[in-house]
Amino acid sequence: MLFCTVLILEPFSIQAQQAGDDAGAPAYPIPVGEKLAYSIHWDPPWYLFFFPNMHAGDAELEITGGTEYQGRKVLKIIFKARSTGLLAKLSGMKIDDEFVFLSEPDTLCTLSVSKKIREGKRQRQIDVTYHPETRQLHIIEYDESVTPRKIMKDALKDDIPSCVQDPLSALYSLRRSPLEADSVITSVIGHDDVVKEVQSRVEKLENLDTDWGEIPAWRMKTVALMGGLFKKGGQFKIWISADAEQIPVRFEVKVPLGRVLGRVRKAGNRESEESGSPPDKNTTARAYRDARQ
């Protein structure tokens, strides 16, 4: 289904230097406590003209600090995706996924991944643990649509890089560094038990129309990991606000049946819980605090 194929795509524009490189202090801090919410729409191809652009679902992204992992405090990134709207009714498939990533606070190298996948009849639990000291990863996948649950994969992979990032840790790493036009970005990304070097490019700075008015944003282009990168590839664009917060405000991915579009609809953090009205046309993404839905 389009929705489950693309909801995790947005963070795959990657960081401005190889993960783990010693490039000095980051320009911007990690936005611990930040919560982002996205509205996902499907834009059908021209030959499906009888289908309108329709709401496909919603996604939430949150990062917290202070989680205990093997005797130290690490970052915790939570991504949730749910199908809603007309497309979910037409497809007859309910999506309710939750992914949890634990990462090193300094390097954002991934330590563990937990994926609870609920996509219609497909019910899986996938757990990945990285062992940088031995350059290994361990993956175990369960089919939870049956009782008792069945192990589908239990494998150890050797000779992985000492620092691998999941796509969402890579997104937060990207947001720590200044962006500029025409820069090429390289990173090592892990998706389940596949590790891949990914490149993306900052194309240009442009004014983007959003629910909060017109803001400057960096347009970036890369390839989509799920449903593309590890098979035949796919074009993926993401817009990052051109301010100190560098919020991913929009994304677009081409799929076999049209495009999937995502727009941020809510941005805020636990330091600022007050409700706010939409800013004027020239307000940047720094003002995104509990904005209108």
Protein backbone atom coordinates (compact mmCIF):
# COMPACT_ATOMS: atom_id res chain seq x y z
CA MET A 1 0.00 0.00 0.00
CA LEU A 2 1.20 3.53 -0.79
CA PHE A 3 0.80 4.74 2.76
CA CYS A 4 2.90 2.10 4.48
CA THR A 5 5.51 2.27 1.71
CA VAL A 6 6.26 5.94 2.16
CA LEU A 7 5.50 7.12 5.67
CA ILE A 8 9.03 6.47 6.87
CA LEU A 9 10.61 7.97 3.75
CA GLU A 10 10.85 11.57 4.79
CA PRO A 11 14.01 11.38 6.94
CA PHE A 12 16.21 9.84 4.25
CA SER A 13 17.91 13.05 3.29
CA ILE A 14 21.11 12.46 5.14
CA GLN A 15 23.68 14.33 7.19
CA ALA A 16 26.29 16.71 5.89
CA GLN A 17 29.27 14.53 6.72
CA GLN A 18 30.00 10.86 7.24
CA ALA A 19 28.54 9.67 10.55
CA GLY A 20 31.15 9.50 13.24
CA ASP A 21 33.63 11.84 11.54
CA ASP A 22 35.29 14.35 13.86
CA ALA A 23 34.18 17.59 12.23
CA GLY A 24 34.07 19.79 15.33
CA ALA A 25 31.10 20.96 17.33
CA PRO A 26 27.73 20.95 15.55
CA ALA A 27 26.25 24.31 14.60
CA TYR A 28 22.85 23.54 16.11
CA PRO A 29 21.80 21.44 19.12
CA ILE A 30 19.68 18.30 18.91
CA PRO A 31 16.05 19.40 19.51
CA VAL A 32 15.41 17.07 22.46
CA GLY A 33 11.74 17.19 23.42
CA GLU A 34 10.57 18.18 19.96
CA LYS A 35 7.36 16.70 18.54
CA LEU A 36 6.42 16.92 14.86
CA ALA A 37 3.19 15.80 13.20
CA TYR A 38 2.64 15.30 9.46
CA SER A 39 -0.37 14.95 7.20
CA ILE A 40 0.15 12.51 4.32
CA HIS A 41 -1.71 12.75 1.00
CA TRP A 42 -1.75 10.68 -2.17
CA ASP A 43 -1.71 12.44 -5.54
CA PRO A 44 -2.78 9.88 -8.18
CA PRO A 45 -1.27 9.79 -11.69
CA TRP A 46 -3.07 11.49 -14.57
CA TYR A 47 -4.58 8.25 -15.89
CA LEU A 48 -6.40 7.82 -12.57
CA PHE A 49 -8.08 11.20 -13.08
CA PHE A 50 -11.28 9.89 -11.50
CA PHE A 51 -9.46 9.75 -8.13
CA PRO A 52 -8.93 13.08 -6.35
CA ASN A 53 -5.93 13.98 -4.23
CA MET A 54 -6.81 12.29 -0.95
CA HIS A 55 -5.71 12.06 2.66
CA ALA A 56 -3.76 8.84 3.25
CA GLY A 57 -2.76 9.09 6.90
CA ASP A 58 -0.81 10.84 9.63
CA ALA A 59 2.68 10.49 11.06
CA GLU A 60 4.28 11.66 14.31
CA LEU A 61 7.96 12.09 15.12
CA GLU A 62 9.39 12.69 18.60
CA ILE A 63 12.86 12.77 20.15
CA THR A 64 13.59 12.50 23.87
CA GLY A 65 16.72 12.24 25.99
CA GLY A 66 17.71 10.45 29.16
CA THR A 67 16.69 6.92 28.19
CA GLU A 68 18.83 4.28 29.94
CA TYR A 69 20.56 1.76 27.66
CA GLN A 70 23.33 -0.57 28.82
CA GLY A 71 24.28 1.70 31.71
CA ARG A 72 24.28 5.02 29.87
CA LYS A 73 21.81 7.66 28.77
CA VAL A 74 20.91 7.74 25.08
CA LEU A 75 18.51 9.47 22.70
CA LYS A 76 15.16 7.89 21.97
CA ILE A 77 13.40 8.59 18.67
CA ILE A 78 9.78 7.51 18.21
CA PHE A 79 7.99 7.40 14.86
CA LYS A 80 4.30 6.52 14.54
CA ALA A 81 2.27 6.11 11.36
CA ARG A 82 -1.47 5.55 10.99
CA SER A 83 -3.73 5.26 7.97
CA THR A 84 -6.81 7.46 7.93
CA GLY A 85 -9.16 9.04 5.44
CA LEU A 86 -10.65 7.94 2.16
CA LEU A 87 -7.62 6.03 0.86
CA ALA A 88 -7.61 3.77 3.93
CA LYS A 89 -11.31 3.03 3.41
CA LEU A 90 -10.84 2.29 -0.28
CA SER A 91 -7.88 -0.01 0.31
CA GLY A 92 -9.46 -1.80 3.24
CA MET A 93 -6.09 -1.90 5.02
CA LYS A 94 -5.48 -0.43 8.46
CA ILE A 95 -1.97 0.83 9.20
CA ASP A 96 -0.77 1.37 12.78
CA ASP A 97 3.05 1.24 12.93
CA GLU A 98 5.42 2.32 15.69
CA PHE A 99 9.22 2.46 15.35
CA VAL A 100 11.62 3.18 18.22
CA PHE A 101 15.31 4.02 17.67
CA LEU A 102 18.00 4.42 20.35
CA SER A 103 21.07 6.44 19.36
CA GLU A 104 24.29 7.81 20.82
CA PRO A 105 23.78 11.44 21.93
CA ASP A 106 27.07 12.72 20.48
CA THR A 107 27.38 10.89 17.17
CA LEU A 108 23.75 9.80 16.59
CA CYS A 109 25.07 6.36 15.68
CA THR A 110 22.22 3.87 16.07
CA LEU A 111 22.35 1.38 18.94
CA SER A 112 19.05 -0.44 18.55
CA VAL A 113 15.87 -0.46 16.47
CA SER A 114 12.43 -1.79 17.39
CA LYS A 115 9.66 -1.87 14.77
CA LYS A 116 6.07 -2.81 15.53
CA ILE A 117 4.42 -3.21 12.12
CA ARG A 118 0.66 -3.47 11.86
CA GLU A 119 -0.37 -3.27 8.21
CA GLY A 120 -3.57 -5.18 7.57
CA LYS A 121 -2.89 -8.88 7.96
CA ARG A 122 0.85 -8.26 8.13
CA GLN A 123 1.86 -8.06 11.79
CA ARG A 124 5.57 -8.09 12.43
CA GLN A 125 8.02 -7.23 15.18
CA ILE A 126 11.56 -6.46 13.99
CA ASP A 127 14.40 -5.84 16.44
CA VAL A 128 17.90 -4.82 15.37
CA THR A 129 20.84 -4.41 17.75
CA TYR A 130 24.14 -2.87 16.67
CA HIS A 131 27.44 -3.99 18.19
CA PRO A 132 30.00 -1.38 17.06
CA GLU A 133 32.79 -2.93 19.14
CA THR A 134 32.62 -6.11 17.03
CA ARG A 135 31.22 -4.42 13.90
CA GLN A 136 28.17 -6.65 13.89
CA LEU A 137 24.41 -6.32 13.93
CA HIS A 138 21.81 -8.81 15.12
CA ILE A 139 18.33 -8.89 13.64
CA ILE A 140 15.35 -10.92 14.77
CA GLU A 141 11.98 -10.75 13.04
CA TYR A 142 8.73 -12.24 14.31
CA ASP A 143 5.44 -12.90 12.57
CA GLU A 144 2.89 -11.86 15.20
CA SER A 145 -0.16 -12.62 13.08
CA VAL A 146 -0.04 -16.19 14.43
CA THR A 147 -0.09 -17.65 17.95
CA PRO A 148 2.47 -18.38 19.18
CA ARG A 149 4.44 -15.86 17.19
CA LYS A 150 6.82 -17.31 14.63
CA ILE A 151 10.49 -16.38 14.12
CA MET A 152 10.95 -15.38 10.48
CA LYS A 153 14.59 -14.32 10.71
CA ASP A 154 17.31 -14.57 13.35
CA ALA A 155 20.69 -13.59 11.94
CA LEU A 156 24.01 -11.98 12.78
CA LYS A 157 25.66 -9.79 10.16
CA ASP A 158 29.43 -9.17 10.22
CA ASP A 159 31.73 -6.44 8.89
CA ILE A 160 29.37 -3.50 9.20
CA PRO A 161 30.76 0.05 9.67
CA SER A 162 31.44 1.10 13.25
CA CYS A 163 28.82 3.83 12.95
CA VAL A 164 25.56 3.16 11.13
CA GLN A 165 22.55 5.46 11.37
CA ASP A 166 18.90 4.65 10.99
CA PRO A 167 17.14 7.19 8.72
CA LEU A 168 15.64 9.20 11.57
CA SER A 169 18.91 9.53 13.49
CA ALA A 170 20.40 10.68 10.18
CA LEU A 171 17.70 13.32 9.90
CA TYR A 172 18.55 14.77 13.32
CA SER A 173 22.25 14.64 12.45
CA LEU A 174 21.52 16.61 9.28
CA ARG A 175 19.71 19.27 11.28
CA ARG A 176 22.80 19.93 13.40
CA SER A 177 24.83 21.21 10.44
CA PRO A 178 24.47 24.33 8.25
CA LEU A 179 23.14 23.69 4.74
CA GLU A 180 24.18 25.37 1.52
CA ALA A 181 23.20 25.04 -2.12
CA ASP A 182 24.87 22.37 -4.28
CA SER A 183 26.44 20.52 -1.36
CA VAL A 184 26.52 16.74 -1.75
CA ILE A 185 25.77 14.70 1.35
CA THR A 186 26.99 11.16 2.05
CA SER A 187 26.05 8.86 4.91
CA VAL A 188 25.86 5.20 5.89
CA ILE A 189 22.27 4.15 6.57
CA GLY A 190 20.89 0.94 8.04
CA HIS A 191 17.49 -0.45 7.09
CA ASP A 192 16.80 -3.71 8.92
CA ASP A 193 19.90 -5.84 8.13
CA VAL A 194 20.89 -3.91 4.99
CA VAL A 195 23.55 -1.20 5.26
CA LYS A 196 23.91 1.23 2.38
CA GLU A 197 25.91 4.36 1.55
CA VAL A 198 23.47 7.05 0.48
CA GLN A 199 24.05 10.37 -1.26
CA SER A 200 21.74 13.35 -1.41
CA ARG A 201 22.09 16.90 -2.70
CA VAL A 202 20.99 20.31 -1.47
CA GLU A 203 19.47 21.76 -4.63
CA LYS A 204 18.51 25.34 -3.75
CA LEU A 205 16.88 27.74 -1.34
CA GLU A 206 13.30 28.57 -2.21
CA ASN A 207 10.25 30.15 -0.63
CA LEU A 208 7.77 27.52 0.44
CA ASP A 209 4.06 28.08 0.98
CA THR A 210 3.01 26.53 4.30
CA ASP A 211 0.11 26.70 6.74
CA TRP A 212 2.12 29.33 8.62
CA GLY A 213 2.75 31.52 5.60
CA GLU A 214 5.65 31.65 3.17
CA ILE A 215 9.01 30.57 4.60
CA PRO A 216 12.49 30.01 3.13
CA ALA A 217 13.42 26.34 2.89
CA TRP A 218 16.23 24.23 1.48
CA ARG A 219 15.08 21.78 -1.18
CA MET A 220 16.98 18.50 -1.07
CA LYS A 221 16.87 15.54 -3.42
CA THR A 222 17.82 11.96 -2.69
CA VAL A 223 16.49 8.41 -3.12
CA ALA A 224 13.80 6.70 -1.10
CA LEU A 225 14.94 3.79 1.02
CA MET A 226 11.72 1.86 1.50
CA GLY A 227 10.23 0.82 -1.79
CA GLY A 228 13.18 2.10 -3.74
CA LEU A 229 16.76 2.41 -2.55
CA PHE A 230 17.51 -1.24 -1.91
CA LYS A 231 15.71 -2.38 -5.05
CA LYS A 232 15.30 -0.07 -8.04
CA GLY A 233 15.50 3.38 -6.52
CA GLY A 234 12.99 6.23 -6.38
CA GLN A 235 13.04 10.01 -6.47
CA PHE A 236 12.52 11.74 -3.15
CA LYS A 237 12.51 15.45 -2.23
CA ILE A 238 12.42 17.07 1.17
CA TRP A 239 12.26 20.72 2.23
CA ILE A 240 14.15 21.84 5.37
CA SER A 241 13.34 25.21 6.93
CA ALA A 242 16.20 27.68 6.46
CA ASP A 243 16.57 28.70 10.09
CA ALA A 244 18.31 27.44 13.20
CA GLU A 245 15.68 24.75 13.81
CA GLN A 246 15.92 23.29 10.29
CA ILE A 247 12.55 21.56 10.54
CA PRO A 248 11.59 19.13 7.76
CA VAL A 249 8.44 20.94 6.65
CA ARG A 250 7.50 19.03 3.49
CA PHE A 251 8.41 15.98 1.46
CA GLU A 252 7.44 14.44 -1.84
CA VAL A 253 8.15 10.98 -3.22
CA LYS A 254 7.31 9.49 -6.59
CA VAL A 255 5.73 6.06 -6.41
CA PRO A 256 4.49 3.72 -9.17
CA LEU A 257 0.99 5.15 -8.79
CA GLY A 258 1.54 8.91 -8.58
CA ARG A 259 3.10 10.85 -5.72
CA VAL A 260 2.91 10.82 -1.95
CA LEU A 261 3.05 14.24 -0.30
CA GLY A 262 3.73 15.08 3.33
CA ARG A 263 3.30 18.43 5.09
CA VAL A 264 4.12 19.31 8.67
CA ARG A 265 0.91 20.28 10.46
CA LYS A 266 2.17 20.67 13.99
CA ALA A 267 5.55 21.46 15.52
CA GLY A 268 6.38 22.11 19.13
CA ASN A 269 8.47 21.02 22.11
CA ARG A 270 7.91 20.52 25.79
CA GLU A 271 9.55 23.84 26.64
CA SER A 272 6.70 25.67 24.89
CA GLU A 273 3.22 24.24 25.25
CA GLU A 274 1.20 27.37 24.60
CA SER A 275 -1.18 27.62 21.68
CA GLY A 276 -0.27 30.05 18.95
CA SER A 277 -1.94 31.69 16.02
CA PRO A 278 -0.37 31.45 12.54
CA PRO A 279 2.49 33.96 12.08
CA ASP A 280 2.62 36.50 9.29
CA LYS A 281 3.92 35.67 5.82
CA ASN A 282 7.59 36.28 6.63
CA THR A 283 7.71 34.22 9.84
CA THR A 284 10.16 31.33 9.68
CA ALA A 285 9.83 27.81 11.04
CA ARG A 286 11.25 28.92 14.40
CA ALA A 287 7.71 30.05 15.27
CA TYR A 288 6.17 26.60 14.77
CA ARG A 289 4.67 26.01 18.20
CA ASP A 290 1.35 24.25 18.50
CA ALA A 291 0.17 25.77 15.24
CA ARG A 292 -3.27 25.24 13.78
CA GLN A 293 -4.08 21.78 12.51
